[in-house]
N, C-alpha and C. Protein backbone atom coordinates (compact mmCIF):
# COMPACT_ATOMS: atom_id res chain seq x y z
N MET A 1 -7.96 -44.61 30.90
CA MET A 1 -7.21 -45.07 29.76
C MET A 1 -7.39 -44.12 28.58
N ASN A 2 -8.62 -43.61 28.40
CA ASN A 2 -8.87 -42.71 27.28
C ASN A 2 -8.11 -41.40 27.42
N ILE A 3 -7.98 -40.89 28.63
CA ILE A 3 -7.26 -39.64 28.84
C ILE A 3 -5.79 -39.80 28.51
N THR A 4 -5.25 -40.99 28.71
CA THR A 4 -3.84 -41.24 28.38
C THR A 4 -3.62 -41.10 26.88
N TRP A 5 -4.52 -41.64 26.08
CA TRP A 5 -4.39 -41.54 24.63
C TRP A 5 -4.52 -40.09 24.16
N ILE A 6 -5.41 -39.36 24.79
CA ILE A 6 -5.58 -37.95 24.42
C ILE A 6 -4.30 -37.18 24.72
N ILE A 7 -3.69 -37.43 25.86
CA ILE A 7 -2.44 -36.75 26.22
C ILE A 7 -1.33 -37.13 25.26
N VAL A 8 -1.23 -38.41 24.91
CA VAL A 8 -0.18 -38.87 23.99
C VAL A 8 -0.37 -38.22 22.62
N ILE A 9 -1.59 -38.20 22.11
CA ILE A 9 -1.85 -37.60 20.80
C ILE A 9 -1.58 -36.09 20.84
N ALA A 10 -1.93 -35.43 21.94
CA ALA A 10 -1.67 -33.99 22.06
C ALA A 10 -0.18 -33.71 22.07
N LEU A 11 0.59 -34.54 22.77
CA LEU A 11 2.05 -34.36 22.79
C LEU A 11 2.66 -34.58 21.41
N ILE A 12 2.19 -35.59 20.70
CA ILE A 12 2.70 -35.85 19.34
C ILE A 12 2.37 -34.66 18.43
N GLY A 13 1.18 -34.12 18.53
CA GLY A 13 0.79 -32.95 17.73
C GLY A 13 1.62 -31.73 18.08
N LEU A 14 1.89 -31.53 19.37
CA LEU A 14 2.70 -30.40 19.80
C LEU A 14 4.13 -30.51 19.28
N ILE A 15 4.70 -31.70 19.35
CA ILE A 15 6.05 -31.93 18.84
C ILE A 15 6.09 -31.71 17.33
N ALA A 16 5.08 -32.17 16.62
CA ALA A 16 5.03 -31.98 15.17
C ALA A 16 4.93 -30.49 14.82
N ALA A 17 4.13 -29.75 15.55
CA ALA A 17 3.99 -28.31 15.28
C ALA A 17 5.30 -27.58 15.55
N ILE A 18 5.96 -27.91 16.64
CA ILE A 18 7.25 -27.27 16.95
C ILE A 18 8.28 -27.61 15.89
N GLY A 19 8.29 -28.86 15.44
CA GLY A 19 9.22 -29.26 14.39
C GLY A 19 8.96 -28.53 13.08
N ALA A 20 7.70 -28.38 12.71
CA ALA A 20 7.36 -27.67 11.47
C ALA A 20 7.78 -26.21 11.54
N ILE A 21 7.56 -25.58 12.67
CA ILE A 21 7.96 -24.18 12.83
C ILE A 21 9.48 -24.05 12.77
N ALA A 22 10.20 -24.99 13.40
CA ALA A 22 11.66 -24.94 13.37
C ALA A 22 12.18 -25.09 11.94
N VAL A 23 11.58 -25.99 11.16
CA VAL A 23 12.01 -26.18 9.77
C VAL A 23 11.74 -24.91 8.96
N LEU A 24 10.59 -24.29 9.15
CA LEU A 24 10.28 -23.07 8.41
C LEU A 24 11.22 -21.93 8.77
N VAL A 25 11.59 -21.83 10.03
CA VAL A 25 12.49 -20.76 10.45
C VAL A 25 13.88 -20.98 9.86
N ARG A 26 14.34 -22.20 9.79
CA ARG A 26 15.67 -22.48 9.25
C ARG A 26 15.73 -22.28 7.74
N GLN A 27 14.61 -22.32 7.04
CA GLN A 27 14.61 -22.20 5.59
C GLN A 27 14.44 -20.76 5.11
N ARG A 28 14.59 -19.79 5.97
CA ARG A 28 14.50 -18.39 5.54
C ARG A 28 15.61 -18.07 4.57
N ALA A 29 15.36 -17.10 3.73
CA ALA A 29 16.39 -16.66 2.78
C ALA A 29 17.50 -15.95 3.55
N PRO A 30 18.73 -16.17 3.14
CA PRO A 30 19.84 -15.48 3.83
C PRO A 30 19.81 -13.99 3.55
N ARG A 31 20.30 -13.22 4.48
CA ARG A 31 20.34 -11.77 4.31
C ARG A 31 21.39 -11.40 3.28
N VAL A 32 21.02 -10.55 2.36
CA VAL A 32 21.93 -10.11 1.31
C VAL A 32 22.20 -8.62 1.52
N PRO A 33 23.44 -8.20 1.44
CA PRO A 33 23.71 -6.77 1.61
C PRO A 33 23.07 -5.95 0.49
N LEU A 34 22.58 -4.78 0.84
CA LEU A 34 21.93 -3.91 -0.14
C LEU A 34 22.96 -3.30 -1.07
N ASP A 35 22.58 -3.19 -2.33
CA ASP A 35 23.43 -2.55 -3.32
C ASP A 35 23.06 -1.07 -3.36
N PRO A 36 23.96 -0.18 -2.95
CA PRO A 36 23.61 1.25 -2.90
C PRO A 36 23.21 1.82 -4.26
N TRP A 37 23.82 1.33 -5.33
CA TRP A 37 23.49 1.83 -6.66
C TRP A 37 22.05 1.50 -7.02
N ARG A 38 21.62 0.26 -6.73
CA ARG A 38 20.23 -0.13 -7.04
C ARG A 38 19.24 0.64 -6.18
N VAL A 39 19.58 0.85 -4.93
CA VAL A 39 18.69 1.61 -4.05
C VAL A 39 18.55 3.04 -4.58
N ALA A 40 19.65 3.63 -5.02
CA ALA A 40 19.60 4.99 -5.58
C ALA A 40 18.75 5.01 -6.85
N GLN A 41 18.88 3.99 -7.69
CA GLN A 41 18.08 3.92 -8.91
C GLN A 41 16.59 3.83 -8.58
N LEU A 42 16.25 3.00 -7.60
CA LEU A 42 14.84 2.86 -7.20
C LEU A 42 14.29 4.17 -6.66
N ARG A 43 15.10 4.87 -5.87
CA ARG A 43 14.65 6.16 -5.33
C ARG A 43 14.44 7.17 -6.45
N GLU A 44 15.36 7.18 -7.43
CA GLU A 44 15.21 8.10 -8.55
C GLU A 44 13.95 7.79 -9.36
N ARG A 45 13.70 6.51 -9.58
CA ARG A 45 12.48 6.13 -10.33
C ARG A 45 11.23 6.56 -9.59
N ALA A 46 11.22 6.34 -8.27
CA ALA A 46 10.05 6.72 -7.48
C ALA A 46 9.87 8.24 -7.50
N ALA A 47 10.97 8.99 -7.40
CA ALA A 47 10.88 10.45 -7.43
C ALA A 47 10.40 10.93 -8.79
N ASP A 48 10.89 10.30 -9.87
CA ASP A 48 10.43 10.68 -11.21
C ASP A 48 8.95 10.40 -11.40
N ALA A 49 8.50 9.25 -10.93
CA ALA A 49 7.08 8.90 -11.06
C ALA A 49 6.22 9.89 -10.27
N GLU A 50 6.66 10.26 -9.08
CA GLU A 50 5.91 11.22 -8.27
C GLU A 50 5.88 12.59 -8.96
N ALA A 51 7.01 13.01 -9.53
CA ALA A 51 7.06 14.30 -10.23
C ALA A 51 6.14 14.29 -11.44
N ARG A 52 6.12 13.19 -12.18
CA ARG A 52 5.22 13.10 -13.34
C ARG A 52 3.77 13.15 -12.92
N ARG A 53 3.45 12.46 -11.82
CA ARG A 53 2.07 12.45 -11.33
C ARG A 53 1.64 13.86 -10.92
N LEU A 54 2.52 14.56 -10.19
CA LEU A 54 2.20 15.93 -9.77
C LEU A 54 2.10 16.86 -10.97
N HIS A 55 2.96 16.67 -11.97
CA HIS A 55 2.91 17.50 -13.17
C HIS A 55 1.58 17.30 -13.90
N THR A 56 1.14 16.05 -13.99
CA THR A 56 -0.14 15.76 -14.64
C THR A 56 -1.29 16.39 -13.87
N GLN A 57 -1.27 16.27 -12.55
CA GLN A 57 -2.33 16.87 -11.74
C GLN A 57 -2.36 18.38 -11.89
N LEU A 58 -1.18 18.99 -11.90
CA LEU A 58 -1.12 20.44 -12.05
C LEU A 58 -1.65 20.87 -13.41
N GLY A 59 -1.28 20.12 -14.46
CA GLY A 59 -1.78 20.43 -15.79
C GLY A 59 -3.29 20.32 -15.87
N GLU A 60 -3.85 19.29 -15.24
CA GLU A 60 -5.31 19.14 -15.23
C GLU A 60 -5.97 20.28 -14.48
N ARG A 61 -5.36 20.68 -13.35
CA ARG A 61 -5.94 21.76 -12.56
C ARG A 61 -5.90 23.09 -13.32
N ILE A 62 -4.77 23.34 -13.99
CA ILE A 62 -4.67 24.58 -14.77
C ILE A 62 -5.69 24.58 -15.90
N ALA A 63 -5.82 23.45 -16.59
CA ALA A 63 -6.80 23.36 -17.67
C ALA A 63 -8.21 23.56 -17.14
N GLU A 64 -8.49 23.03 -15.97
CA GLU A 64 -9.82 23.19 -15.38
C GLU A 64 -10.07 24.65 -15.01
N GLU A 65 -9.05 25.32 -14.47
CA GLU A 65 -9.23 26.73 -14.10
C GLU A 65 -9.38 27.61 -15.33
N ARG A 66 -8.67 27.28 -16.40
CA ARG A 66 -8.81 28.06 -17.63
C ARG A 66 -10.21 27.92 -18.22
N SER A 67 -10.72 26.70 -18.19
CA SER A 67 -12.06 26.49 -18.75
C SER A 67 -13.14 26.95 -17.79
N ALA A 68 -12.80 27.21 -16.54
CA ALA A 68 -13.81 27.63 -15.57
C ALA A 68 -14.41 28.98 -15.95
N ARG A 69 -13.60 29.82 -16.57
CA ARG A 69 -14.12 31.14 -16.96
C ARG A 69 -15.14 31.02 -18.08
N ASP A 70 -14.98 29.98 -18.88
CA ASP A 70 -15.84 29.84 -20.06
C ASP A 70 -17.03 28.92 -19.83
N GLU A 71 -16.80 27.81 -19.16
CA GLU A 71 -17.81 26.75 -19.14
C GLU A 71 -18.63 26.65 -17.86
N GLN A 72 -18.47 27.54 -16.95
CA GLN A 72 -19.20 27.54 -15.69
C GLN A 72 -19.09 26.18 -14.97
N PRO A 73 -18.02 25.98 -14.23
CA PRO A 73 -17.80 24.68 -13.59
C PRO A 73 -18.88 24.31 -12.57
N GLN A 74 -19.63 25.31 -12.10
CA GLN A 74 -20.68 25.00 -11.14
C GLN A 74 -21.72 24.08 -11.76
N ARG A 75 -21.90 24.17 -13.05
CA ARG A 75 -22.90 23.34 -13.70
C ARG A 75 -22.35 21.97 -14.05
N ARG A 76 -21.02 21.87 -14.17
CA ARG A 76 -20.42 20.57 -14.48
C ARG A 76 -20.43 19.65 -13.26
N ARG A 77 -20.14 20.22 -12.10
CA ARG A 77 -20.08 19.42 -10.88
C ARG A 77 -21.28 19.75 -10.01
N PRO A 78 -22.03 18.76 -9.58
CA PRO A 78 -23.15 19.05 -8.69
C PRO A 78 -22.64 19.51 -7.32
N ALA A 79 -23.40 20.37 -6.69
CA ALA A 79 -23.02 20.88 -5.38
C ALA A 79 -23.16 19.78 -4.34
N THR A 80 -22.16 19.63 -3.51
CA THR A 80 -22.21 18.65 -2.42
C THR A 80 -22.37 19.39 -1.10
N ALA A 81 -22.76 18.67 -0.09
CA ALA A 81 -22.94 19.28 1.23
C ALA A 81 -21.62 19.83 1.75
N GLU A 82 -20.53 19.12 1.49
CA GLU A 82 -19.22 19.58 1.97
C GLU A 82 -18.84 20.90 1.30
N ALA A 83 -19.08 20.99 -0.01
CA ALA A 83 -18.74 22.22 -0.73
C ALA A 83 -19.60 23.38 -0.25
N LEU A 84 -20.87 23.12 0.02
CA LEU A 84 -21.75 24.19 0.49
C LEU A 84 -21.34 24.66 1.88
N TRP A 85 -20.98 23.75 2.76
CA TRP A 85 -20.55 24.12 4.10
C TRP A 85 -19.20 24.82 4.06
N ALA A 86 -18.38 24.52 3.07
CA ALA A 86 -17.07 25.16 2.95
C ALA A 86 -17.20 26.57 2.39
N GLY A 87 -18.35 26.90 1.85
CA GLY A 87 -18.57 28.25 1.36
C GLY A 87 -18.37 28.41 -0.12
N GLY A 88 -18.20 27.33 -0.82
CA GLY A 88 -18.01 27.43 -2.26
C GLY A 88 -18.64 26.26 -2.96
N VAL A 89 -18.81 26.40 -4.24
CA VAL A 89 -19.41 25.32 -5.02
C VAL A 89 -18.37 24.73 -5.91
């Protein structure tokens, strides 16, 4: 008799889980066609941000190389094992 109740409760739980999944699947947002103008704007923004980031990095690198002649960068940055194995400090 006890096994019958376990089977009945398991079936009710299985049906409830399937029903919940079906409801969640039906409530998905509908597909909306992409707006080419907005996609182009997003790509331009991403490209501009990347260009600005690279410009900033290049400026920092140039400034570091210019000051390297004067300030001895070896003393600013401690030597690491990777730098020593690579042949430079």
